[in-house]
Amino acid sequence: MNKVDCVIVGHNTGSFQDFIAGRKFMSQWNGAYRDAQINSLLLNGRRISYMDFSTRPGNKWIPPRHR
């Protein structure tokens, strides 16, 4: 049986795409969009939170031609 080394606990932000869009709208007034950019990665033209990236099965994020 496999043992768990660590557990990542995070908060739920709902749809990350909606979250990013809301922050981008406010980017000229505050640094929230820049913070969201720093705390996510751009993959296949979309921003993905590190939490979403780390909790998905390995090749779900990899386009078929690169598998």
Protein backbone atom coordinates (compact mmCIF):
# COMPACT_ATOMS: atom_id res chain seq x y z
CA MET A 1 0.00 0.00 0.00
CA ASN A 2 1.27 3.49 -0.87
CA LYS A 3 1.77 6.02 1.88
CA VAL A 4 1.07 9.73 1.58
CA ASP A 5 4.10 11.99 2.17
CA CYS A 6 2.26 15.28 2.20
CA VAL A 7 -1.12 16.83 1.65
CA ILE A 8 -1.58 20.16 -0.12
CA VAL A 9 -4.45 22.15 1.30
CA GLY A 10 -5.64 25.23 -0.51
CA HIS A 11 -8.63 27.49 -0.85
CA ASN A 12 -11.32 27.18 -3.49
CA THR A 13 -11.48 30.15 -5.84
CA GLY A 14 -14.21 28.71 -8.06
CA SER A 15 -13.51 29.03 -11.78
CA PHE A 16 -9.92 30.17 -12.15
CA GLN A 17 -10.69 31.63 -15.59
CA ASP A 18 -13.38 33.84 -14.04
CA PHE A 19 -10.99 34.78 -11.25
CA ILE A 20 -8.29 35.82 -13.76
CA ALA A 21 -10.78 37.76 -15.91
CA GLY A 22 -11.98 39.72 -12.87
CA ARG A 23 -8.43 40.55 -11.85
CA LYS A 24 -7.45 41.52 -15.40
CA PHE A 25 -10.36 43.96 -15.50
CA MET A 26 -8.93 45.72 -12.41
CA SER A 27 -5.28 45.56 -13.51
CA GLN A 28 -4.99 49.29 -14.19
CA TRP A 29 -6.01 50.10 -10.60
CA ASN A 30 -4.28 47.48 -8.49
CA GLY A 31 -1.74 44.66 -8.54
CA ALA A 32 -4.17 41.74 -8.13
CA TYR A 33 -3.84 40.65 -11.78
CA ARG A 34 -0.04 40.66 -11.57
CA ASP A 35 -0.25 38.62 -8.39
CA ALA A 36 -2.58 36.13 -10.13
CA GLN A 37 -0.15 35.88 -13.05
CA ILE A 38 2.75 35.16 -10.72
CA ASN A 39 0.73 32.49 -8.91
CA SER A 40 -0.32 30.61 -12.05
CA LEU A 41 1.14 29.30 -15.26
CA LEU A 42 0.17 29.85 -18.87
CA LEU A 43 -0.57 26.51 -20.50
CA ASN A 44 -2.17 26.00 -23.91
CA GLY A 45 -3.22 29.66 -23.98
CA ARG A 46 -5.01 29.55 -20.60
CA ARG A 47 -3.95 30.52 -17.09
CA ILE A 48 -3.91 27.50 -14.78
CA SER A 49 -3.48 27.79 -11.03
CA TYR A 50 -0.63 25.78 -9.57
CA MET A 51 -3.18 23.94 -7.41
CA ASP A 52 -5.20 22.88 -10.47
CA PHE A 53 -2.03 21.87 -12.29
CA SER A 54 -0.73 19.79 -9.39
CA THR A 55 -4.00 17.94 -8.76
CA ARG A 56 -4.80 16.82 -12.33
CA PRO A 57 -3.64 13.50 -13.75
CA GLY A 58 -0.26 13.81 -15.47
CA ASN A 59 -1.04 14.07 -19.15
CA LYS A 60 -4.42 15.83 -19.05
CA TRP A 61 -2.61 19.15 -19.61
CA ILE A 62 -0.32 17.84 -22.37
CA PRO A 63 -1.68 18.25 -25.92
CA PRO A 64 -2.03 14.86 -27.71
CA ARG A 65 0.71 15.64 -30.24
CA HIS A 66 3.24 16.04 -27.38
CA ARG A 67 2.39 12.86 -25.43
